[in-house]
Amino acid sequence: EPSRFDLWRKDLAEWMYEQYGESDDRATAGYVMGWYLHQPG
């Protein structure tokens, strides 16, 4: 269910707003991409 990645990125975007005052689609995608692939690696 790839749409679940969007929910994950939405939660991350909210954290980014709290920390940096704004979010960025590239950053939420980049974070999740690296985080996920790190698990099997």
PDB file of all heavy atoms in Angstrom:
ATOM      1  N   GLU A   1       0.856  -1.195   0.000  1.00  0.00           N
ATOM      2  CA  GLU A   1       0.000   0.000   0.000  1.00  0.00           C
ATOM      3  C   GLU A   1       0.887   1.237   0.000  1.00  0.00           C
ATOM      4  O   GLU A   1       1.112   1.849   1.052  1.00  0.00           O
ATOM      5  CB  GLU A   1      -0.916   0.014   1.219  1.00  0.00           C
ATOM      6  CG  GLU A   1      -1.889  -1.139   1.314  1.00  0.00           C
ATOM      7  CD  GLU A   1      -2.773  -1.028   2.542  1.00  0.00           C
ATOM      8  OE1 GLU A   1      -3.516  -0.033   2.634  1.00  0.00           O
ATOM      9  OE2 GLU A   1      -2.682  -1.916   3.410  1.00  0.00           O
ATOM     10  N   PRO A   2       1.398   1.632  -1.143  1.00  0.00           N
ATOM     11  CA  PRO A   2       2.314   2.781  -1.195  1.00  0.00           C
ATOM     12  C   PRO A   2       1.744   4.064  -0.606  1.00  0.00           C
ATOM     13  O   PRO A   2       2.514   4.934  -0.173  1.00  0.00           O
ATOM     14  CB  PRO A   2       2.585   2.926  -2.696  1.00  0.00           C
ATOM     15  CG  PRO A   2       2.383   1.554  -3.248  1.00  0.00           C
ATOM     16  CD  PRO A   2       1.254   0.980  -2.459  1.00  0.00           C
ATOM     17  N   SER A   3       0.418   4.183  -0.554  1.00  0.00           N
ATOM     18  CA  SER A   3      -0.180   5.383   0.032  1.00  0.00           C
ATOM     19  C   SER A   3       0.186   5.528   1.506  1.00  0.00           C
ATOM     20  O   SER A   3       0.139   6.632   2.057  1.00  0.00           O
ATOM     21  CB  SER A   3      -1.700   5.348  -0.116  1.00  0.00           C
ATOM     22  OG  SER A   3      -2.253   4.214   0.540  1.00  0.00           O
ATOM     23  N   ARG A   4       0.586   4.436   2.151  1.00  0.00           N
ATOM     24  CA  ARG A   4       0.993   4.509   3.551  1.00  0.00           C
ATOM     25  C   ARG A   4       2.306   5.284   3.698  1.00  0.00           C
ATOM     26  O   ARG A   4       2.578   5.846   4.754  1.00  0.00           O
ATOM     27  CB  ARG A   4       1.111   3.106   4.145  1.00  0.00           C
ATOM     28  CG  ARG A   4      -0.242   2.394   4.234  1.00  0.00           C
ATOM     29  CD  ARG A   4      -0.110   0.932   4.619  1.00  0.00           C
ATOM     30  NE  ARG A   4       0.417   0.759   5.964  1.00  0.00           N
ATOM     31  CZ  ARG A   4       0.622  -0.439   6.522  1.00  0.00           C
ATOM     32  NH1 ARG A   4       0.363  -1.543   5.830  1.00  0.00           N
ATOM     33  NH2 ARG A   4       1.086  -0.523   7.755  1.00  0.00           N
ATOM     34  N   PHE A   5       3.096   5.316   2.637  1.00  0.00           N
ATOM     35  CA  PHE A   5       4.296   6.160   2.670  1.00  0.00           C
ATOM     36  C   PHE A   5       3.907   7.637   2.734  1.00  0.00           C
ATOM     37  O   PHE A   5       4.596   8.444   3.355  1.00  0.00           O
ATOM     38  CB  PHE A   5       5.163   5.907   1.439  1.00  0.00           C
ATOM     39  CG  PHE A   5       5.964   4.640   1.490  1.00  0.00           C
ATOM     40  CD1 PHE A   5       5.679   3.591   0.630  1.00  0.00           C
ATOM     41  CD2 PHE A   5       7.002   4.490   2.394  1.00  0.00           C
ATOM     42  CE1 PHE A   5       6.425   2.411   0.658  1.00  0.00           C
ATOM     43  CE2 PHE A   5       7.757   3.326   2.451  1.00  0.00           C
ATOM     44  CZ  PHE A   5       7.462   2.280   1.574  1.00  0.00           C
ATOM     45  N   ASP A   6       2.799   7.990   2.080  1.00  0.00           N
ATOM     46  CA  ASP A   6       2.333   9.376   2.131  1.00  0.00           C
ATOM     47  C   ASP A   6       1.930   9.763   3.556  1.00  0.00           C
ATOM     48  O   ASP A   6       2.180  10.893   3.995  1.00  0.00           O
ATOM     49  CB  ASP A   6       1.147   9.576   1.184  1.00  0.00           C
ATOM     50  CG  ASP A   6       1.562   9.582  -0.275  1.00  0.00           C
ATOM     51  OD1 ASP A   6       2.715   9.932  -0.559  1.00  0.00           O
ATOM     52  OD2 ASP A   6       0.724   9.241  -1.130  1.00  0.00           O
ATOM     53  N   LEU A   7       1.301   8.830   4.278  1.00  0.00           N
ATOM     54  CA  LEU A   7       0.921   9.099   5.669  1.00  0.00           C
ATOM     55  C   LEU A   7       2.165   9.274   6.534  1.00  0.00           C
ATOM     56  O   LEU A   7       2.214  10.145   7.403  1.00  0.00           O
ATOM     57  CB  LEU A   7       0.054   7.956   6.202  1.00  0.00           C
ATOM     58  CG  LEU A   7      -1.288   7.742   5.496  1.00  0.00           C
ATOM     59  CD1 LEU A   7      -2.007   6.527   6.077  1.00  0.00           C
ATOM     60  CD2 LEU A   7      -2.164   8.984   5.621  1.00  0.00           C
ATOM     61  N   TRP A   8       3.152   8.447   6.287  1.00  0.00           N
ATOM     62  CA  TRP A   8       4.427   8.563   7.012  1.00  0.00           C
ATOM     63  C   TRP A   8       5.058   9.915   6.726  1.00  0.00           C
ATOM     64  O   TRP A   8       5.502  10.628   7.635  1.00  0.00           O
ATOM     65  CB  TRP A   8       5.324   7.417   6.576  1.00  0.00           C
ATOM     66  CG  TRP A   8       6.622   7.281   7.318  1.00  0.00           C
ATOM     67  CD1 TRP A   8       7.101   8.097   8.313  1.00  0.00           C
ATOM     68  CD2 TRP A   8       7.615   6.266   7.119  1.00  0.00           C
ATOM     69  NE1 TRP A   8       8.344   7.642   8.741  1.00  0.00           N
ATOM     70  CE2 TRP A   8       8.675   6.534   8.029  1.00  0.00           C
ATOM     71  CE3 TRP A   8       7.720   5.171   6.260  1.00  0.00           C
ATOM     72  CZ2 TRP A   8       9.815   5.730   8.093  1.00  0.00           C
ATOM     73  CZ3 TRP A   8       8.847   4.383   6.331  1.00  0.00           C
ATOM     74  CH2 TRP A   8       9.876   4.648   7.235  1.00  0.00           C
ATOM     75  N   ARG A   9       5.076  10.306   5.469  1.00  0.00           N
ATOM     76  CA  ARG A   9       5.671  11.587   5.107  1.00  0.00           C
ATOM     77  C   ARG A   9       4.869  12.759   5.686  1.00  0.00           C
ATOM     78  O   ARG A   9       5.451  13.803   6.027  1.00  0.00           O
ATOM     79  CB  ARG A   9       5.767  11.707   3.587  1.00  0.00           C
ATOM     80  CG  ARG A   9       6.794  10.753   2.968  1.00  0.00           C
ATOM     81  CD  ARG A   9       6.742  10.800   1.461  1.00  0.00           C
ATOM     82  NE  ARG A   9       7.092  12.137   0.955  1.00  0.00           N
ATOM     83  CZ  ARG A   9       6.924  12.506  -0.307  1.00  0.00           C
ATOM     84  NH1 ARG A   9       6.413  11.658  -1.199  1.00  0.00           N
ATOM     85  NH2 ARG A   9       7.269  13.725  -0.689  1.00  0.00           N
ATOM     86  N   LYS A  10       3.563  12.607   5.811  1.00  0.00           N
ATOM     87  CA  LYS A  10       2.746  13.664   6.415  1.00  0.00           C
ATOM     88  C   LYS A  10       3.135  13.868   7.878  1.00  0.00           C
ATOM     89  O   LYS A  10       3.280  15.011   8.343  1.00  0.00           O
ATOM     90  CB  LYS A  10       1.262  13.299   6.312  1.00  0.00           C
ATOM     91  CG  LYS A  10       0.338  14.341   6.910  1.00  0.00           C
ATOM     92  CD  LYS A  10      -1.128  13.931   6.782  1.00  0.00           C
ATOM     93  CE  LYS A  10      -2.048  14.964   7.432  1.00  0.00           C
ATOM     94  NZ  LYS A  10      -3.475  14.540   7.352  1.00  0.00           N
ATOM     95  N   ASP A  11       3.313  12.766   8.608  1.00  0.00           N
ATOM     96  CA  ASP A  11       3.753  12.878   9.999  1.00  0.00           C
ATOM     97  C   ASP A  11       5.133  13.528  10.079  1.00  0.00           C
ATOM     98  O   ASP A  11       5.394  14.351  10.965  1.00  0.00           O
ATOM     99  CB  ASP A  11       3.799  11.488  10.647  1.00  0.00           C
ATOM    100  CG  ASP A  11       2.420  10.897  10.861  1.00  0.00           C
ATOM    101  OD1 ASP A  11       1.436  11.665  10.851  1.00  0.00           O
ATOM    102  OD2 ASP A  11       2.327   9.664  11.038  1.00  0.00           O
ATOM    103  N   LEU A  12       6.001  13.177   9.155  1.00  0.00           N
ATOM    104  CA  LEU A  12       7.342  13.760   9.128  1.00  0.00           C
ATOM    105  C   LEU A  12       7.270  15.252   8.805  1.00  0.00           C
ATOM    106  O   LEU A  12       7.997  16.061   9.398  1.00  0.00           O
ATOM    107  CB  LEU A  12       8.206  13.032   8.103  1.00  0.00           C
ATOM    108  CG  LEU A  12       9.615  13.578   7.878  1.00  0.00           C
ATOM    109  CD1 LEU A  12      10.410  13.613   9.182  1.00  0.00           C
ATOM    110  CD2 LEU A  12      10.343  12.737   6.832  1.00  0.00           C
ATOM    111  N   ALA A  13       6.386  15.628   7.882  1.00  0.00           N
ATOM    112  CA  ALA A  13       6.236  17.042   7.528  1.00  0.00           C
ATOM    113  C   ALA A  13       5.804  17.862   8.742  1.00  0.00           C
ATOM    114  O   ALA A  13       6.283  18.992   8.950  1.00  0.00           O
ATOM    115  CB  ALA A  13       5.227  17.193   6.396  1.00  0.00           C
ATOM    116  N   GLU A  14       4.929  17.299   9.561  1.00  0.00           N
ATOM    117  CA  GLU A  14       4.489  18.004  10.770  1.00  0.00           C
ATOM    118  C   GLU A  14       5.665  18.208  11.729  1.00  0.00           C
ATOM    119  O   GLU A  14       5.807  19.275  12.335  1.00  0.00           O
ATOM    120  CB  GLU A  14       3.368  17.217  11.448  1.00  0.00           C
ATOM    121  CG  GLU A  14       2.075  17.185  10.635  1.00  0.00           C
ATOM    122  CD  GLU A  14       1.013  16.324  11.271  1.00  0.00           C
ATOM    123  OE1 GLU A  14       1.298  15.707  12.330  1.00  0.00           O
ATOM    124  OE2 GLU A  14      -0.110  16.257  10.729  1.00  0.00           O
ATOM    125  N   TRP A  15       6.512  17.209  11.843  1.00  0.00           N
ATOM    126  CA  TRP A  15       7.695  17.353  12.701  1.00  0.00           C
ATOM    127  C   TRP A  15       8.628  18.417  12.133  1.00  0.00           C
ATOM    128  O   TRP A  15       9.196  19.222  12.883  1.00  0.00           O
ATOM    129  CB  TRP A  15       8.415  16.006  12.813  1.00  0.00           C
ATOM    130  CG  TRP A  15       9.693  16.091  13.587  1.00  0.00           C
ATOM    131  CD1 TRP A  15       9.832  16.038  14.941  1.00  0.00           C
ATOM    132  CD2 TRP A  15      11.015  16.265  13.053  1.00  0.00           C
ATOM    133  NE1 TRP A  15      11.163  16.159  15.286  1.00  0.00           N
ATOM    134  CE2 TRP A  15      11.913  16.297  14.145  1.00  0.00           C
ATOM    135  CE3 TRP A  15      11.524  16.377  11.758  1.00  0.00           C
ATOM    136  CZ2 TRP A  15      13.288  16.454  13.984  1.00  0.00           C
ATOM    137  CZ3 TRP A  15      12.896  16.536  11.593  1.00  0.00           C
ATOM    138  CH2 TRP A  15      13.755  16.577  12.692  1.00  0.00           C
ATOM    139  N   MET A  16       8.780  18.435  10.809  1.00  0.00           N
ATOM    140  CA  MET A  16       9.652  19.432  10.191  1.00  0.00           C
ATOM    141  C   MET A  16       9.133  20.840  10.427  1.00  0.00           C
ATOM    142  O   MET A  16       9.909  21.773  10.684  1.00  0.00           O
ATOM    143  CB  MET A  16       9.787  19.161   8.691  1.00  0.00           C
ATOM    144  CG  MET A  16      10.665  17.977   8.359  1.00  0.00           C
ATOM    145  SD  MET A  16      10.789  17.716   6.568  1.00  0.00           S
ATOM    146  CE  MET A  16      11.983  16.372   6.524  1.00  0.00           C
ATOM    147  N   TYR A  17       7.818  21.022  10.357  1.00  0.00           N
ATOM    148  CA  TYR A  17       7.249  22.338  10.638  1.00  0.00           C
ATOM    149  C   TYR A  17       7.586  22.781  12.064  1.00  0.00           C
ATOM    150  O   TYR A  17       7.906  23.950  12.306  1.00  0.00           O
ATOM    151  CB  TYR A  17       5.738  22.308  10.447  1.00  0.00           C
ATOM    152  CG  TYR A  17       5.294  22.576   9.030  1.00  0.00           C
ATOM    153  CD1 TYR A  17       4.663  21.580   8.284  1.00  0.00           C
ATOM    154  CD2 TYR A  17       5.497  23.816   8.422  1.00  0.00           C
ATOM    155  CE1 TYR A  17       4.254  21.804   6.980  1.00  0.00           C
ATOM    156  CE2 TYR A  17       5.092  24.061   7.119  1.00  0.00           C
ATOM    157  CZ  TYR A  17       4.468  23.051   6.411  1.00  0.00           C
ATOM    158  OH  TYR A  17       4.065  23.279   5.108  1.00  0.00           O
ATOM    159  N   GLU A  18       7.511  21.840  12.990  1.00  0.00           N
ATOM    160  CA  GLU A  18       7.816  22.170  14.380  1.00  0.00           C
ATOM    161  C   GLU A  18       9.287  22.560  14.545  1.00  0.00           C
ATOM    162  O   GLU A  18       9.625  23.457  15.323  1.00  0.00           O
ATOM    163  CB  GLU A  18       7.502  20.973  15.280  1.00  0.00           C
ATOM    164  CG  GLU A  18       6.012  20.636  15.366  1.00  0.00           C
ATOM    165  CD  GLU A  18       5.762  19.378  16.185  1.00  0.00           C
ATOM    166  OE1 GLU A  18       6.765  18.779  16.670  1.00  0.00           O
ATOM    167  OE2 GLU A  18       4.603  18.990  16.337  1.00  0.00           O
ATOM    168  N   GLN A  19      10.170  21.883  13.804  1.00  0.00           N
ATOM    169  CA  GLN A  19      11.601  22.095  13.973  1.00  0.00           C
ATOM    170  C   GLN A  19      12.154  23.242  13.137  1.00  0.00           C
ATOM    171  O   GLN A  19      13.039  23.980  13.579  1.00  0.00           O
ATOM    172  CB  GLN A  19      12.352  20.800  13.596  1.00  0.00           C
ATOM    173  CG  GLN A  19      12.023  19.617  14.478  1.00  0.00           C
ATOM    174  CD  GLN A  19      12.464  19.818  15.916  1.00  0.00           C
ATOM    175  OE1 GLN A  19      13.593  20.236  16.166  1.00  0.00           O
ATOM    176  NE2 GLN A  19      11.589  19.516  16.854  1.00  0.00           N
ATOM    177  N   TYR A  20      11.623  23.400  11.912  1.00  0.00           N
ATOM    178  CA  TYR A  20      12.225  24.328  10.950  1.00  0.00           C
ATOM    179  C   TYR A  20      11.280  25.425  10.448  1.00  0.00           C
ATOM    180  O   TYR A  20      11.712  26.312   9.712  1.00  0.00           O
ATOM    181  CB  TYR A  20      12.761  23.555   9.742  1.00  0.00           C
ATOM    182  CG  TYR A  20      13.816  22.539  10.102  1.00  0.00           C
ATOM    183  CD1 TYR A  20      13.505  21.191  10.217  1.00  0.00           C
ATOM    184  CD2 TYR A  20      15.135  22.930  10.340  1.00  0.00           C
ATOM    185  CE1 TYR A  20      14.474  20.242  10.549  1.00  0.00           C
ATOM    186  CE2 TYR A  20      16.112  21.999  10.681  1.00  0.00           C
ATOM    187  CZ  TYR A  20      15.766  20.666  10.790  1.00  0.00           C
ATOM    188  OH  TYR A  20      16.726  19.742  11.128  1.00  0.00           O
ATOM    189  N   GLY A  21      10.018  25.335  10.820  1.00  0.00           N
ATOM    190  CA  GLY A  21       9.062  26.348  10.389  1.00  0.00           C
ATOM    191  C   GLY A  21       8.443  26.082   9.038  1.00  0.00           C
ATOM    192  O   GLY A  21       7.520  26.782   8.624  1.00  0.00           O
ATOM    193  N   GLU A  22       8.945  25.086   8.329  1.00  0.00           N
ATOM    194  CA  GLU A  22       8.357  24.673   7.065  1.00  0.00           C
ATOM    195  C   GLU A  22       8.838  23.262   6.725  1.00  0.00           C
ATOM    196  O   GLU A  22       9.759  22.729   7.346  1.00  0.00           O
ATOM    197  CB  GLU A  22       8.713  25.634   5.932  1.00  0.00           C
ATOM    198  CG  GLU A  22      10.180  25.695   5.583  1.00  0.00           C
ATOM    199  CD  GLU A  22      10.464  26.682   4.468  1.00  0.00           C
ATOM    200  OE1 GLU A  22      10.378  27.906   4.711  1.00  0.00           O
ATOM    201  OE2 GLU A  22      10.781  26.219   3.360  1.00  0.00           O
ATOM    202  N   SER A  23       8.190  22.686   5.726  1.00  0.00           N
ATOM    203  CA  SER A  23       8.567  21.351   5.279  1.00  0.00           C
ATOM    204  C   SER A  23       8.943  21.422   3.805  1.00  0.00           C
ATOM    205  O   SER A  23       8.873  22.481   3.177  1.00  0.00           O
ATOM    206  CB  SER A  23       7.405  20.378   5.501  1.00  0.00           C
ATOM    207  OG  SER A  23       7.749  19.087   5.058  1.00  0.00           O
ATOM    208  N   ASP A  24       9.312  20.293   3.244  1.00  0.00           N
ATOM    209  CA  ASP A  24       9.684  20.231   1.832  1.00  0.00           C
ATOM    210  C   ASP A  24       9.445  18.811   1.343  1.00  0.00           C
ATOM    211  O   ASP A  24       9.871  17.849   1.994  1.00  0.00           O
ATOM    212  CB  ASP A  24      11.157  20.613   1.652  1.00  0.00           C
ATOM    213  CG  ASP A  24      11.549  20.701   0.183  1.00  0.00           C
ATOM    214  OD1 ASP A  24      11.814  19.651  -0.428  1.00  0.00           O
ATOM    215  OD2 ASP A  24      11.561  21.832  -0.354  1.00  0.00           O
ATOM    216  N   ASP A  25       8.763  18.680   0.207  1.00  0.00           N
ATOM    217  CA  ASP A  25       8.439  17.351  -0.313  1.00  0.00           C
ATOM    218  C   ASP A  25       9.685  16.526  -0.599  1.00  0.00           C
ATOM    219  O   ASP A  25       9.701  15.309  -0.397  1.00  0.00           O
ATOM    220  CB  ASP A  25       7.604  17.470  -1.597  1.00  0.00           C
ATOM    221  CG  ASP A  25       6.165  17.861  -1.315  1.00  0.00           C
ATOM    222  OD1 ASP A  25       5.756  17.786  -0.136  1.00  0.00           O
ATOM    223  OD2 ASP A  25       5.459  18.242  -2.261  1.00  0.00           O
ATOM    224  N   ARG A  26      10.724  17.185  -1.088  1.00  0.00           N
ATOM    225  CA  ARG A  26      11.959  16.446  -1.377  1.00  0.00           C
ATOM    226  C   ARG A  26      12.575  15.894  -0.098  1.00  0.00           C
ATOM    227  O   ARG A  26      13.084  14.760  -0.071  1.00  0.00           O
ATOM    228  CB  ARG A  26      12.965  17.343  -2.097  1.00  0.00           C
ATOM    229  CG  ARG A  26      12.565  17.748  -3.504  1.00  0.00           C
ATOM    230  CD  ARG A  26      13.467  18.863  -4.006  1.00  0.00           C
ATOM    231  NE  ARG A  26      13.309  20.081  -3.219  1.00  0.00           N
ATOM    232  CZ  ARG A  26      14.045  21.172  -3.363  1.00  0.00           C
ATOM    233  NH1 ARG A  26      15.018  21.196  -4.259  1.00  0.00           N
ATOM    234  NH2 ARG A  26      13.835  22.249  -2.623  1.00  0.00           N
ATOM    235  N   ALA A  27      12.528  16.688   0.963  1.00  0.00           N
ATOM    236  CA  ALA A  27      13.123  16.256   2.218  1.00  0.00           C
ATOM    237  C   ALA A  27      12.326  15.115   2.853  1.00  0.00           C
ATOM    238  O   ALA A  27      12.913  14.151   3.352  1.00  0.00           O
ATOM    239  CB  ALA A  27      13.232  17.431   3.180  1.00  0.00           C
ATOM    240  N   THR A  28      11.000  15.208   2.840  1.00  0.00           N
ATOM    241  CA  THR A  28      10.230  14.109   3.427  1.00  0.00           C
ATOM    242  C   THR A  28      10.449  12.824   2.636  1.00  0.00           C
ATOM    243  O   THR A  28      10.582  11.741   3.217  1.00  0.00           O
ATOM    244  CB  THR A  28       8.728  14.432   3.484  1.00  0.00           C
ATOM    245  OG1 THR A  28       8.210  14.667   2.165  1.00  0.00           O
ATOM    246  CG2 THR A  28       8.453  15.641   4.368  1.00  0.00           C
ATOM    247  N   ALA A  29      10.514  12.931   1.325  1.00  0.00           N
ATOM    248  CA  ALA A  29      10.769  11.743   0.507  1.00  0.00           C
ATOM    249  C   ALA A  29      12.177  11.218   0.734  1.00  0.00           C
ATOM    250  O   ALA A  29      12.397  10.003   0.835  1.00  0.00           O
ATOM    251  CB  ALA A  29      10.551  12.057  -0.968  1.00  0.00           C
ATOM    252  N   GLY A  30      13.153  12.126   0.828  1.00  0.00           N
ATOM    253  CA  GLY A  30      14.536  11.714   1.024  1.00  0.00           C
ATOM    254  C   GLY A  30      14.761  11.037   2.363  1.00  0.00           C
ATOM    255  O   GLY A  30      15.468  10.018   2.449  1.00  0.00           O
ATOM    256  N   TYR A  31      14.169  11.598   3.404  1.00  0.00           N
ATOM    257  CA  TYR A  31      14.292  10.989   4.731  1.00  0.00           C
ATOM    258  C   TYR A  31      13.708   9.577   4.721  1.00  0.00           C
ATOM    259  O   TYR A  31      14.357   8.620   5.166  1.00  0.00           O
ATOM    260  CB  TYR A  31      13.510  11.812   5.746  1.00  0.00           C
ATOM    261  CG  TYR A  31      14.247  12.940   6.429  1.00  0.00           C
ATOM    262  CD1 TYR A  31      14.872  13.950   5.726  1.00  0.00           C
ATOM    263  CD2 TYR A  31      14.264  13.020   7.821  1.00  0.00           C
ATOM    264  CE1 TYR A  31      15.510  15.008   6.371  1.00  0.00           C
ATOM    265  CE2 TYR A  31      14.891  14.065   8.478  1.00  0.00           C
ATOM    266  CZ  TYR A  31      15.516  15.062   7.748  1.00  0.00           C
ATOM    267  OH  TYR A  31      16.140  16.097   8.389  1.00  0.00           O
ATOM    268  N   VAL A  32      12.457   9.448   4.267  1.00  0.00           N
ATOM    269  CA  VAL A  32      11.772   8.150   4.313  1.00  0.00           C
ATOM    270  C   VAL A  32      12.500   7.132   3.441  1.00  0.00           C
ATOM    271  O   VAL A  32      12.639   5.962   3.808  1.00  0.00           O
ATOM    272  CB  VAL A  32      10.301   8.311   3.900  1.00  0.00           C
ATOM    273  CG1 VAL A  32       9.638   6.949   3.653  1.00  0.00           C
ATOM    274  CG2 VAL A  32       9.537   9.072   4.978  1.00  0.00           C
ATOM    275  N   MET A  33      12.971   7.558   2.286  1.00  0.00           N
ATOM    276  CA  MET A  33      13.714   6.670   1.398  1.00  0.00           C
ATOM    277  C   MET A  33      14.918   6.065   2.115  1.00  0.00           C
ATOM    278  O   MET A  33      15.131   4.848   2.113  1.00  0.00           O
ATOM    279  CB  MET A  33      14.167   7.442   0.158  1.00  0.00           C
ATOM    280  CG  MET A  33      15.058   6.686  -0.797  1.00  0.00           C
ATOM    281  SD  MET A  33      15.449   7.678  -2.285  1.00  0.00           S
ATOM    282  CE  MET A  33      16.438   9.027  -1.555  1.00  0.00           C
ATOM    283  N   GLY A  34      15.725   6.926   2.739  1.00  0.00           N
ATOM    284  CA  GLY A  34      16.909   6.444   3.435  1.00  0.00           C
ATOM    285  C   GLY A  34      16.572   5.623   4.663  1.00  0.00           C
ATOM    286  O   GLY A  34      17.196   4.583   4.930  1.00  0.00           O
ATOM    287  N   TRP A  35      15.600   6.081   5.436  1.00  0.00           N
ATOM    288  CA  TRP A  35      15.214   5.356   6.642  1.00  0.00           C
ATOM    289  C   TRP A  35      14.751   3.939   6.324  1.00  0.00           C
ATOM    290  O   TRP A  35      15.147   2.990   6.998  1.00  0.00           O
ATOM    291  CB  TRP A  35      14.086   6.100   7.353  1.00  0.00           C
ATOM    292  CG  TRP A  35      14.509   7.317   8.109  1.00  0.00           C
ATOM    293  CD1 TRP A  35      15.780   7.677   8.483  1.00  0.00           C
ATOM    294  CD2 TRP A  35      13.649   8.352   8.591  1.00  0.00           C
ATOM    295  NE1 TRP A  35      15.754   8.859   9.168  1.00  0.00           N
ATOM    296  CE2 TRP A  35      14.469   9.308   9.255  1.00  0.00           C
ATOM    297  CE3 TRP A  35      12.273   8.573   8.533  1.00  0.00           C
ATOM    298  CZ2 TRP A  35      13.942  10.445   9.845  1.00  0.00           C
ATOM    299  CZ3 TRP A  35      11.743   9.706   9.132  1.00  0.00           C
ATOM    300  CH2 TRP A  35      12.580  10.639   9.781  1.00  0.00           C
ATOM    301  N   TYR A  36      13.909   3.822   5.299  1.00  0.00           N
ATOM    302  CA  TYR A  36      13.381   2.494   4.984  1.00  0.00           C
ATOM    303  C   TYR A  36      14.508   1.570   4.525  1.00  0.00           C
ATOM    304  O   TYR A  36      14.651   0.452   5.024  1.00  0.00           O
ATOM    305  CB  TYR A  36      12.304   2.577   3.903  1.00  0.00           C
ATOM    306  CG  TYR A  36      11.711   1.210   3.618  1.00  0.00           C
ATOM    307  CD1 TYR A  36      10.564   0.776   4.277  1.00  0.00           C
ATOM    308  CD2 TYR A  36      12.332   0.326   2.728  1.00  0.00           C
ATOM    309  CE1 TYR A  36      10.048  -0.491   4.060  1.00  0.00           C
ATOM    310  CE2 TYR A  36      11.825  -0.946   2.519  1.00  0.00           C
ATOM    311  CZ  TYR A  36      10.688  -1.347   3.179  1.00  0.00           C
ATOM    312  OH  TYR A  36      10.199  -2.616   2.975  1.00  0.00           O
ATOM    313  N   LEU A  37      15.307   2.005   3.583  1.00  0.00           N
ATOM    314  CA  LEU A  37      16.344   1.152   3.018  1.00  0.00           C
ATOM    315  C   LEU A  37      17.422   0.802   4.043  1.00  0.00           C
ATOM    316  O   LEU A  37      18.102  -0.231   3.916  1.00  0.00           O
ATOM    317  CB  LEU A  37      16.972   1.833   1.804  1.00  0.00           C
ATOM    318  CG  LEU A  37      16.059   1.914   0.578  1.00  0.00           C
ATOM    319  CD1 LEU A  37      16.622   2.898  -0.447  1.00  0.00           C
ATOM    320  CD2 LEU A  37      15.877   0.534  -0.055  1.00  0.00           C
ATOM    321  N   HIS A  38      17.566   1.628   5.058  1.00  0.00           N
ATOM    322  CA  HIS A  38      18.539   1.331   6.109  1.00  0.00           C
ATOM    323  C   HIS A  38      18.159   0.079   6.892  1.00  0.00           C
ATOM    324  O   HIS A  38      19.047  -0.620   7.406  1.00  0.00           O
ATOM    325  CB  HIS A  38      18.634   2.522   7.063  1.00  0.00           C
ATOM    326  CG  HIS A  38      19.576   2.308   8.211  1.00  0.00           C
ATOM    327  ND1 HIS A  38      20.919   2.038   8.051  1.00  0.00           N
ATOM    328  CD2 HIS A  38      19.362   2.304   9.557  1.00  0.00           C
ATOM    329  CE1 HIS A  38      21.496   1.911   9.228  1.00  0.00           C
ATOM    330  NE2 HIS A  38      20.571   2.047  10.166  1.00  0.00           N
ATOM    331  N   GLN A  39      16.870  -0.234   6.984  1.00  0.00           N
ATOM    332  CA  GLN A  39      16.455  -1.368   7.825  1.00  0.00           C
ATOM    333  C   GLN A  39      16.999  -2.706   7.317  1.00  0.00           C
ATOM    334  O   GLN A  39      17.678  -3.415   8.062  1.00  0.00           O
ATOM    335  CB  GLN A  39      14.926  -1.399   7.976  1.00  0.00           C
ATOM    336  CG  GLN A  39      14.301  -0.103   8.476  1.00  0.00           C
ATOM    337  CD  GLN A  39      15.029   0.476   9.680  1.00  0.00           C
ATOM    338  OE1 GLN A  39      15.193  -0.181  10.704  1.00  0.00           O
ATOM    339  NE2 GLN A  39      15.486   1.717   9.549  1.00  0.00           N
ATOM    340  N   PRO A  40      16.743  -3.098   6.071  1.00  0.00           N
ATOM    341  CA  PRO A  40      17.357  -4.351   5.612  1.00  0.00           C
ATOM    342  C   PRO A  40      18.873  -4.261   5.497  1.00  0.00           C
ATOM    343  O   PRO A  40      19.581  -5.246   5.743  1.00  0.00           O
ATOM    344  CB  PRO A  40      16.705  -4.591   4.241  1.00  0.00           C
ATOM    345  CG  PRO A  40      16.239  -3.248   3.778  1.00  0.00           C
ATOM    346  CD  PRO A  40      15.848  -2.525   5.037  1.00  0.00           C
ATOM    347  N   GLY A  41      19.403  -3.072   5.172  1.00  0.00           N
ATOM    348  CA  GLY A  41      20.845  -2.925   5.046  1.00  0.00           C
ATOM    349  C   GLY A  41      21.563  -3.092   6.372  1.00  0.00           C
ATOM    350  O   GLY A  41      22.601  -3.770   6.451  1.00  0.00           O
TER     351      GLY A  41
END
